[in-house]
Amino acid sequence: EGAYEARMSPADNVENLLLETAGQ
């Protein structure tokens, strides 16, 4: 969608990265 929070995120796939590592 974009907007402020998306522009301030380090990576477009951060959801996958976050859930995978946190799950580990």
mmCIF file of all heavy atoms, coordinates in Angstrom:
data_MODEL
# 
_entry.id   MODEL 
# 
loop_
_atom_site.group_PDB 
_atom_site.id 
_atom_site.type_symbol 
_atom_site.label_atom_id 
_atom_site.label_alt_id 
_atom_site.label_comp_id 
_atom_site.label_asym_id 
_atom_site.label_entity_id 
_atom_site.label_seq_id 
_atom_site.pdbx_PDB_ins_code 
_atom_site.Cartn_x 
_atom_site.Cartn_y 
_atom_site.Cartn_z 
_atom_site.occupancy 
_atom_site.B_iso_or_equiv 
_atom_site.pdbx_formal_charge 
_atom_site.auth_seq_id 
_atom_site.auth_comp_id 
_atom_site.auth_asym_id 
_atom_site.auth_atom_id 
_atom_site.pdbx_PDB_model_num 
ATOM 1   N N   . GLU A 1 1  ? 0.817  -1.214  0.000  1.00 0.00 ? 1  GLU A N   1 
ATOM 2   C CA  . GLU A 1 1  ? 0.000  0.000   0.000  1.00 0.00 ? 1  GLU A CA  1 
ATOM 3   C C   . GLU A 1 1  ? 0.850  1.262   0.000  1.00 0.00 ? 1  GLU A C   1 
ATOM 4   O O   . GLU A 1 1  ? 0.467  2.282   -0.577 1.00 0.00 ? 1  GLU A O   1 
ATOM 5   C CB  . GLU A 1 1  ? -0.912 0.003   1.232  1.00 0.00 ? 1  GLU A CB  1 
ATOM 6   C CG  . GLU A 1 1  ? -1.967 -1.073  1.206  1.00 0.00 ? 1  GLU A CG  1 
ATOM 7   C CD  . GLU A 1 1  ? -2.636 -1.273  2.560  1.00 0.00 ? 1  GLU A CD  1 
ATOM 8   O OE1 . GLU A 1 1  ? -2.114 -0.739  3.573  1.00 0.00 ? 1  GLU A OE1 1 
ATOM 9   O OE2 . GLU A 1 1  ? -3.663 -1.973  2.601  1.00 0.00 ? 1  GLU A OE2 1 
ATOM 10  N N   . GLY A 1 2  ? 1.998  1.214   0.672  1.00 0.00 ? 2  GLY A N   1 
ATOM 11  C CA  . GLY A 1 2  ? 2.856  2.390   0.762  1.00 0.00 ? 2  GLY A CA  1 
ATOM 12  C C   . GLY A 1 2  ? 2.524  3.234   1.978  1.00 0.00 ? 2  GLY A C   1 
ATOM 13  O O   . GLY A 1 2  ? 2.079  2.725   2.999  1.00 0.00 ? 2  GLY A O   1 
ATOM 14  N N   . ALA A 1 3  ? 2.786  4.529   1.905  1.00 0.00 ? 3  ALA A N   1 
ATOM 15  C CA  . ALA A 1 3  ? 2.602  5.505   2.977  1.00 0.00 ? 3  ALA A CA  1 
ATOM 16  C C   . ALA A 1 3  ? 3.804  5.474   3.933  1.00 0.00 ? 3  ALA A C   1 
ATOM 17  O O   . ALA A 1 3  ? 4.788  4.761   3.723  1.00 0.00 ? 3  ALA A O   1 
ATOM 18  C CB  . ALA A 1 3  ? 1.286  5.316   3.717  1.00 0.00 ? 3  ALA A CB  1 
ATOM 19  N N   . TYR A 1 4  ? 3.703  6.257   4.995  1.00 0.00 ? 4  TYR A N   1 
ATOM 20  C CA  . TYR A 1 4  ? 4.832  6.574   5.875  1.00 0.00 ? 4  TYR A CA  1 
ATOM 21  C C   . TYR A 1 4  ? 5.552  5.335   6.398  1.00 0.00 ? 4  TYR A C   1 
ATOM 22  O O   . TYR A 1 4  ? 6.774  5.210   6.271  1.00 0.00 ? 4  TYR A O   1 
ATOM 23  C CB  . TYR A 1 4  ? 4.318  7.425   7.040  1.00 0.00 ? 4  TYR A CB  1 
ATOM 24  C CG  . TYR A 1 4  ? 5.316  7.716   8.118  1.00 0.00 ? 4  TYR A CG  1 
ATOM 25  C CD1 . TYR A 1 4  ? 6.344  8.638   7.917  1.00 0.00 ? 4  TYR A CD1 1 
ATOM 26  C CD2 . TYR A 1 4  ? 5.234  7.087   9.363  1.00 0.00 ? 4  TYR A CD2 1 
ATOM 27  C CE1 . TYR A 1 4  ? 7.256  8.912   8.919  1.00 0.00 ? 4  TYR A CE1 1 
ATOM 28  C CE2 . TYR A 1 4  ? 6.141  7.356   10.361 1.00 0.00 ? 4  TYR A CE2 1 
ATOM 29  C CZ  . TYR A 1 4  ? 7.152  8.266   10.135 1.00 0.00 ? 4  TYR A CZ  1 
ATOM 30  O OH  . TYR A 1 4  ? 8.056  8.533   11.139 1.00 0.00 ? 4  TYR A OH  1 
ATOM 31  N N   . GLU A 1 5  ? 4.830  4.422   7.002  1.00 0.00 ? 5  GLU A N   1 
ATOM 32  C CA  . GLU A 1 5  ? 5.469  3.284   7.643  1.00 0.00 ? 5  GLU A CA  1 
ATOM 33  C C   . GLU A 1 5  ? 6.190  2.393   6.633  1.00 0.00 ? 5  GLU A C   1 
ATOM 34  O O   . GLU A 1 5  ? 7.247  1.824   6.942  1.00 0.00 ? 5  GLU A O   1 
ATOM 35  C CB  . GLU A 1 5  ? 4.436  2.464   8.425  1.00 0.00 ? 5  GLU A CB  1 
ATOM 36  C CG  . GLU A 1 5  ? 3.765  3.220   9.551  1.00 0.00 ? 5  GLU A CG  1 
ATOM 37  C CD  . GLU A 1 5  ? 2.529  3.987   9.111  1.00 0.00 ? 5  GLU A CD  1 
ATOM 38  O OE1 . GLU A 1 5  ? 2.239  3.990   7.889  1.00 0.00 ? 5  GLU A OE1 1 
ATOM 39  O OE2 . GLU A 1 5  ? 1.855  4.581   9.964  1.00 0.00 ? 5  GLU A OE2 1 
ATOM 40  N N   . ALA A 1 6  ? 5.632  2.275   5.429  1.00 0.00 ? 6  ALA A N   1 
ATOM 41  C CA  . ALA A 1 6  ? 6.287  1.480   4.393  1.00 0.00 ? 6  ALA A CA  1 
ATOM 42  C C   . ALA A 1 6  ? 7.597  2.132   3.953  1.00 0.00 ? 6  ALA A C   1 
ATOM 43  O O   . ALA A 1 6  ? 8.594  1.443   3.709  1.00 0.00 ? 6  ALA A O   1 
ATOM 44  C CB  . ALA A 1 6  ? 5.360  1.297   3.198  1.00 0.00 ? 6  ALA A CB  1 
ATOM 45  N N   . ARG A 1 7  ? 7.589  3.452   3.850  1.00 0.00 ? 7  ARG A N   1 
ATOM 46  C CA  . ARG A 1 7  ? 8.819  4.153   3.466  1.00 0.00 ? 7  ARG A CA  1 
ATOM 47  C C   . ARG A 1 7  ? 9.897  4.037   4.540  1.00 0.00 ? 7  ARG A C   1 
ATOM 48  O O   . ARG A 1 7  ? 11.083 4.149   4.243  1.00 0.00 ? 7  ARG A O   1 
ATOM 49  C CB  . ARG A 1 7  ? 8.530  5.634   3.201  1.00 0.00 ? 7  ARG A CB  1 
ATOM 50  C CG  . ARG A 1 7  ? 7.611  5.900   2.018  1.00 0.00 ? 7  ARG A CG  1 
ATOM 51  C CD  . ARG A 1 7  ? 7.669  7.362   1.603  1.00 0.00 ? 7  ARG A CD  1 
ATOM 52  N NE  . ARG A 1 7  ? 7.342  8.275   2.685  1.00 0.00 ? 7  ARG A NE  1 
ATOM 53  C CZ  . ARG A 1 7  ? 6.116  8.721   2.955  1.00 0.00 ? 7  ARG A CZ  1 
ATOM 54  N NH1 . ARG A 1 7  ? 5.084  8.295   2.224  1.00 0.00 ? 7  ARG A NH1 1 
ATOM 55  N NH2 . ARG A 1 7  ? 5.906  9.568   3.948  1.00 0.00 ? 7  ARG A NH2 1 
ATOM 56  N N   . MET A 1 8  ? 9.479  3.834   5.775  1.00 0.00 ? 8  MET A N   1 
ATOM 57  C CA  . MET A 1 8  ? 10.417 3.769   6.894  1.00 0.00 ? 8  MET A CA  1 
ATOM 58  C C   . MET A 1 8  ? 10.819 2.333   7.233  1.00 0.00 ? 8  MET A C   1 
ATOM 59  O O   . MET A 1 8  ? 11.448 2.093   8.258  1.00 0.00 ? 8  MET A O   1 
ATOM 60  C CB  . MET A 1 8  ? 9.777  4.413   8.125  1.00 0.00 ? 8  MET A CB  1 
ATOM 61  C CG  . MET A 1 8  ? 9.381  5.863   7.934  1.00 0.00 ? 8  MET A CG  1 
ATOM 62  S SD  . MET A 1 8  ? 10.784 6.964   7.932  1.00 0.00 ? 8  MET A SD  1 
ATOM 63  C CE  . MET A 1 8  ? 11.075 7.081   9.685  1.00 0.00 ? 8  MET A CE  1 
ATOM 64  N N   . SER A 1 9  ? 10.446 1.385   6.391  1.00 0.00 ? 9  SER A N   1 
ATOM 65  C CA  . SER A 1 9  ? 10.791 -0.010  6.622  1.00 0.00 ? 9  SER A CA  1 
ATOM 66  C C   . SER A 1 9  ? 12.075 -0.367  5.877  1.00 0.00 ? 9  SER A C   1 
ATOM 67  O O   . SER A 1 9  ? 12.303 0.124   4.768  1.00 0.00 ? 9  SER A O   1 
ATOM 68  C CB  . SER A 1 9  ? 9.653  -0.916  6.154  1.00 0.00 ? 9  SER A CB  1 
ATOM 69  O OG  . SER A 1 9  ? 10.016 -2.278  6.276  1.00 0.00 ? 9  SER A OG  1 
ATOM 70  N N   . PRO A 1 10 ? 12.901 -1.235  6.440  1.00 0.00 ? 10 PRO A N   1 
ATOM 71  C CA  . PRO A 1 10 ? 14.160 -1.565  5.769  1.00 0.00 ? 10 PRO A CA  1 
ATOM 72  C C   . PRO A 1 10 ? 14.027 -2.500  4.584  1.00 0.00 ? 10 PRO A C   1 
ATOM 73  O O   . PRO A 1 10 ? 14.910 -2.546  3.731  1.00 0.00 ? 10 PRO A O   1 
ATOM 74  C CB  . PRO A 1 10 ? 14.984 -2.218  6.879  1.00 0.00 ? 10 PRO A CB  1 
ATOM 75  C CG  . PRO A 1 10 ? 13.969 -2.801  7.795  1.00 0.00 ? 10 PRO A CG  1 
ATOM 76  C CD  . PRO A 1 10 ? 12.813 -1.846  7.767  1.00 0.00 ? 10 PRO A CD  1 
ATOM 77  N N   . ALA A 1 11 ? 12.921 -3.280  4.505  1.00 0.00 ? 11 ALA A N   1 
ATOM 78  C CA  . ALA A 1 11 ? 12.840 -4.285  3.445  1.00 0.00 ? 11 ALA A CA  1 
ATOM 79  C C   . ALA A 1 11 ? 11.388 -4.584  3.104  1.00 0.00 ? 11 ALA A C   1 
ATOM 80  O O   . ALA A 1 11 ? 10.516 -4.581  3.984  1.00 0.00 ? 11 ALA A O   1 
ATOM 81  C CB  . ALA A 1 11 ? 13.547 -5.570  3.873  1.00 0.00 ? 11 ALA A CB  1 
ATOM 82  N N   . ASP A 1 12 ? 11.134 -4.868  1.825  1.00 0.00 ? 12 ASP A N   1 
ATOM 83  C CA  . ASP A 1 12 ? 9.762  -5.134  1.406  1.00 0.00 ? 12 ASP A CA  1 
ATOM 84  C C   . ASP A 1 12 ? 9.272  -6.514  1.836  1.00 0.00 ? 12 ASP A C   1 
ATOM 85  O O   . ASP A 1 12 ? 8.077  -6.787  1.820  1.00 0.00 ? 12 ASP A O   1 
ATOM 86  C CB  . ASP A 1 12 ? 9.608  -4.955  -0.107 1.00 0.00 ? 12 ASP A CB  1 
ATOM 87  C CG  . ASP A 1 12 ? 10.633 -5.748  -0.903 1.00 0.00 ? 12 ASP A CG  1 
ATOM 88  O OD1 . ASP A 1 12 ? 11.297 -6.623  -0.317 1.00 0.00 ? 12 ASP A OD1 1 
ATOM 89  O OD2 . ASP A 1 12 ? 10.774 -5.487  -2.105 1.00 0.00 ? 12 ASP A OD2 1 
ATOM 90  N N   . ASN A 1 13 ? 10.179 -7.399  2.227  1.00 0.00 ? 13 ASN A N   1 
ATOM 91  C CA  . ASN A 1 13 ? 9.790  -8.739  2.688  1.00 0.00 ? 13 ASN A CA  1 
ATOM 92  C C   . ASN A 1 13 ? 9.981  -8.900  4.191  1.00 0.00 ? 13 ASN A C   1 
ATOM 93  O O   . ASN A 1 13 ? 10.216 -9.997  4.690  1.00 0.00 ? 13 ASN A O   1 
ATOM 94  C CB  . ASN A 1 13 ? 10.598 -9.801  1.950  1.00 0.00 ? 13 ASN A CB  1 
ATOM 95  C CG  . ASN A 1 13 ? 12.099 -9.667  2.200  1.00 0.00 ? 13 ASN A CG  1 
ATOM 96  O OD1 . ASN A 1 13 ? 12.579 -8.582  2.544  1.00 0.00 ? 13 ASN A OD1 1 
ATOM 97  N ND2 . ASN A 1 13 ? 12.830 -10.749 2.006  1.00 0.00 ? 13 ASN A ND2 1 
ATOM 98  N N   . VAL A 1 14 ? 9.877  -7.780  4.928  1.00 0.00 ? 14 VAL A N   1 
ATOM 99  C CA  . VAL A 1 14 ? 10.187 -7.809  6.352  1.00 0.00 ? 14 VAL A CA  1 
ATOM 100 C C   . VAL A 1 14 ? 9.211  -8.708  7.132  1.00 0.00 ? 14 VAL A C   1 
ATOM 101 O O   . VAL A 1 14 ? 9.583  -9.309  8.137  1.00 0.00 ? 14 VAL A O   1 
ATOM 102 C CB  . VAL A 1 14 ? 10.225 -6.382  6.938  1.00 0.00 ? 14 VAL A CB  1 
ATOM 103 C CG1 . VAL A 1 14 ? 8.833  -5.785  7.069  1.00 0.00 ? 14 VAL A CG1 1 
ATOM 104 C CG2 . VAL A 1 14 ? 10.940 -6.361  8.269  1.00 0.00 ? 14 VAL A CG2 1 
ATOM 105 N N   . GLU A 1 15 ? 7.964  -8.849  6.657  1.00 0.00 ? 15 GLU A N   1 
ATOM 106 C CA  . GLU A 1 15 ? 7.015  -9.715  7.361  1.00 0.00 ? 15 GLU A CA  1 
ATOM 107 C C   . GLU A 1 15 ? 7.516  -11.154 7.391  1.00 0.00 ? 15 GLU A C   1 
ATOM 108 O O   . GLU A 1 15 ? 7.532  -11.793 8.453  1.00 0.00 ? 15 GLU A O   1 
ATOM 109 C CB  . GLU A 1 15 ? 5.631  -9.666  6.709  1.00 0.00 ? 15 GLU A CB  1 
ATOM 110 C CG  . GLU A 1 15 ? 4.653  -10.652 7.336  1.00 0.00 ? 15 GLU A CG  1 
ATOM 111 C CD  . GLU A 1 15 ? 3.251  -10.566 6.779  1.00 0.00 ? 15 GLU A CD  1 
ATOM 112 O OE1 . GLU A 1 15 ? 2.854  -9.505  6.275  1.00 0.00 ? 15 GLU A OE1 1 
ATOM 113 O OE2 . GLU A 1 15 ? 2.538  -11.587 6.857  1.00 0.00 ? 15 GLU A OE2 1 
ATOM 114 N N   . ASN A 1 16 ? 7.925  -11.672 6.251  1.00 0.00 ? 16 ASN A N   1 
ATOM 115 C CA  . ASN A 1 16 ? 8.431  -13.047 6.204  1.00 0.00 ? 16 ASN A CA  1 
ATOM 116 C C   . ASN A 1 16 ? 9.669  -13.212 7.076  1.00 0.00 ? 16 ASN A C   1 
ATOM 117 O O   . ASN A 1 16 ? 9.809  -14.200 7.809  1.00 0.00 ? 16 ASN A O   1 
ATOM 118 C CB  . ASN A 1 16 ? 8.759  -13.447 4.770  1.00 0.00 ? 16 ASN A CB  1 
ATOM 119 C CG  . ASN A 1 16 ? 7.528  -13.539 3.891  1.00 0.00 ? 16 ASN A CG  1 
ATOM 120 O OD1 . ASN A 1 16 ? 6.413  -13.614 4.388  1.00 0.00 ? 16 ASN A OD1 1 
ATOM 121 N ND2 . ASN A 1 16 ? 7.721  -13.516 2.587  1.00 0.00 ? 16 ASN A ND2 1 
ATOM 122 N N   . LEU A 1 17 ? 10.570 -12.238 6.977  1.00 0.00 ? 17 LEU A N   1 
ATOM 123 C CA  . LEU A 1 17 ? 11.806 -12.299 7.748  1.00 0.00 ? 17 LEU A CA  1 
ATOM 124 C C   . LEU A 1 17 ? 11.524 -12.277 9.241  1.00 0.00 ? 17 LEU A C   1 
ATOM 125 O O   . LEU A 1 17 ? 12.115 -13.027 10.019 1.00 0.00 ? 17 LEU A O   1 
ATOM 126 C CB  . LEU A 1 17 ? 12.714 -11.125 7.366  1.00 0.00 ? 17 LEU A CB  1 
ATOM 127 C CG  . LEU A 1 17 ? 13.231 -11.089 5.926  1.00 0.00 ? 17 LEU A CG  1 
ATOM 128 C CD1 . LEU A 1 17 ? 13.843 -9.737  5.612  1.00 0.00 ? 17 LEU A CD1 1 
ATOM 129 C CD2 . LEU A 1 17 ? 14.255 -12.207 5.708  1.00 0.00 ? 17 LEU A CD2 1 
ATOM 130 N N   . LEU A 1 18 ? 10.597 -11.419 9.647  1.00 0.00 ? 18 LEU A N   1 
ATOM 131 C CA  . LEU A 1 18 ? 10.272 -11.273 11.057 1.00 0.00 ? 18 LEU A CA  1 
ATOM 132 C C   . LEU A 1 18 ? 9.653  -12.551 11.618 1.00 0.00 ? 18 LEU A C   1 
ATOM 133 O O   . LEU A 1 18 ? 10.097 -13.086 12.647 1.00 0.00 ? 18 LEU A O   1 
ATOM 134 C CB  . LEU A 1 18 ? 9.319  -10.094 11.252 1.00 0.00 ? 18 LEU A CB  1 
ATOM 135 C CG  . LEU A 1 18 ? 8.954  -9.688  12.679 1.00 0.00 ? 18 LEU A CG  1 
ATOM 136 C CD1 . LEU A 1 18 ? 8.597  -8.208  12.733 1.00 0.00 ? 18 LEU A CD1 1 
ATOM 137 C CD2 . LEU A 1 18 ? 7.779  -10.495 13.231 1.00 0.00 ? 18 LEU A CD2 1 
ATOM 138 N N   . LEU A 1 19 ? 8.625  -13.054 10.954 1.00 0.00 ? 19 LEU A N   1 
ATOM 139 C CA  . LEU A 1 19 ? 7.924  -14.220 11.483 1.00 0.00 ? 19 LEU A CA  1 
ATOM 140 C C   . LEU A 1 19 ? 8.811  -15.467 11.477 1.00 0.00 ? 19 LEU A C   1 
ATOM 141 O O   . LEU A 1 19 ? 8.749  -16.297 12.384 1.00 0.00 ? 19 LEU A O   1 
ATOM 142 C CB  . LEU A 1 19 ? 6.644  -14.463 10.687 1.00 0.00 ? 19 LEU A CB  1 
ATOM 143 C CG  . LEU A 1 19 ? 5.555  -13.395 10.867 1.00 0.00 ? 19 LEU A CG  1 
ATOM 144 C CD1 . LEU A 1 19 ? 4.368  -13.703 9.977  1.00 0.00 ? 19 LEU A CD1 1 
ATOM 145 C CD2 . LEU A 1 19 ? 5.126  -13.278 12.327 1.00 0.00 ? 19 LEU A CD2 1 
ATOM 146 N N   . GLU A 1 20 ? 9.640  -15.596 10.450 1.00 0.00 ? 20 GLU A N   1 
ATOM 147 C CA  . GLU A 1 20 ? 10.522 -16.757 10.378 1.00 0.00 ? 20 GLU A CA  1 
ATOM 148 C C   . GLU A 1 20 ? 11.544 -16.752 11.520 1.00 0.00 ? 20 GLU A C   1 
ATOM 149 O O   . GLU A 1 20 ? 11.736 -17.764 12.209 1.00 0.00 ? 20 GLU A O   1 
ATOM 150 C CB  . GLU A 1 20 ? 11.251 -16.781 9.032  1.00 0.00 ? 20 GLU A CB  1 
ATOM 151 C CG  . GLU A 1 20 ? 12.215 -17.945 8.879  1.00 0.00 ? 20 GLU A CG  1 
ATOM 152 C CD  . GLU A 1 20 ? 12.959 -17.921 7.540  1.00 0.00 ? 20 GLU A CD  1 
ATOM 153 O OE1 . GLU A 1 20 ? 12.682 -17.030 6.710  1.00 0.00 ? 20 GLU A OE1 1 
ATOM 154 O OE2 . GLU A 1 20 ? 13.814 -18.795 7.339  1.00 0.00 ? 20 GLU A OE2 1 
ATOM 155 N N   . THR A 1 21 ? 12.203 -15.601 11.720 1.00 0.00 ? 21 THR A N   1 
ATOM 156 C CA  . THR A 1 21 ? 13.238 -15.536 12.756 1.00 0.00 ? 21 THR A CA  1 
ATOM 157 C C   . THR A 1 21 ? 12.633 -15.580 14.149 1.00 0.00 ? 21 THR A C   1 
ATOM 158 O O   . THR A 1 21 ? 13.144 -16.266 15.040 1.00 0.00 ? 21 THR A O   1 
ATOM 159 C CB  . THR A 1 21 ? 14.082 -14.261 12.584 1.00 0.00 ? 21 THR A CB  1 
ATOM 160 O OG1 . THR A 1 21 ? 14.598 -14.216 11.251 1.00 0.00 ? 21 THR A OG1 1 
ATOM 161 C CG2 . THR A 1 21 ? 15.241 -14.242 13.565 1.00 0.00 ? 21 THR A CG2 1 
ATOM 162 N N   . ALA A 1 22 ? 11.534 -14.852 14.364 1.00 0.00 ? 22 ALA A N   1 
ATOM 163 C CA  . ALA A 1 22 ? 10.881 -14.883 15.686 1.00 0.00 ? 22 ALA A CA  1 
ATOM 164 C C   . ALA A 1 22 ? 10.392 -16.272 16.018 1.00 0.00 ? 22 ALA A C   1 
ATOM 165 O O   . ALA A 1 22 ? 10.494 -16.730 17.172 1.00 0.00 ? 22 ALA A O   1 
ATOM 166 C CB  . ALA A 1 22 ? 9.729  -13.878 15.721 1.00 0.00 ? 22 ALA A CB  1 
ATOM 167 N N   . GLY A 1 23 ? 9.859  -16.963 15.030 1.00 0.00 ? 23 GLY A N   1 
ATOM 168 C CA  . GLY A 1 23 ? 9.411  -18.331 15.270 1.00 0.00 ? 23 GLY A CA  1 
ATOM 169 C C   . GLY A 1 23 ? 10.559 -19.232 15.686 1.00 0.00 ? 23 GLY A C   1 
ATOM 170 O O   . GLY A 1 23 ? 10.415 -20.078 16.576 1.00 0.00 ? 23 GLY A O   1 
ATOM 171 N N   . GLN A 1 24 ? 11.712 -19.037 15.051 1.00 0.00 ? 24 GLN A N   1 
ATOM 172 C CA  . GLN A 1 24 ? 12.891 -19.828 15.399 1.00 0.00 ? 24 GLN A CA  1 
ATOM 173 C C   . GLN A 1 24 ? 13.302 -19.553 16.850 1.00 0.00 ? 24 GLN A C   1 
ATOM 174 O O   . GLN A 1 24 ? 13.610 -20.487 17.603 1.00 0.00 ? 24 GLN A O   1 
ATOM 175 C CB  . GLN A 1 24 ? 14.048 -19.474 14.460 1.00 0.00 ? 24 GLN A CB  1 
ATOM 176 C CG  . GLN A 1 24 ? 15.387 -20.090 14.830 1.00 0.00 ? 24 GLN A CG  1 
ATOM 177 C CD  . GLN A 1 24 ? 16.551 -19.502 14.043 1.00 0.00 ? 24 GLN A CD  1 
ATOM 178 O OE1 . GLN A 1 24 ? 16.341 -18.753 13.094 1.00 0.00 ? 24 GLN A OE1 1 
ATOM 179 N NE2 . GLN A 1 24 ? 17.753 -19.814 14.453 1.00 0.00 ? 24 GLN A NE2 1 
# 
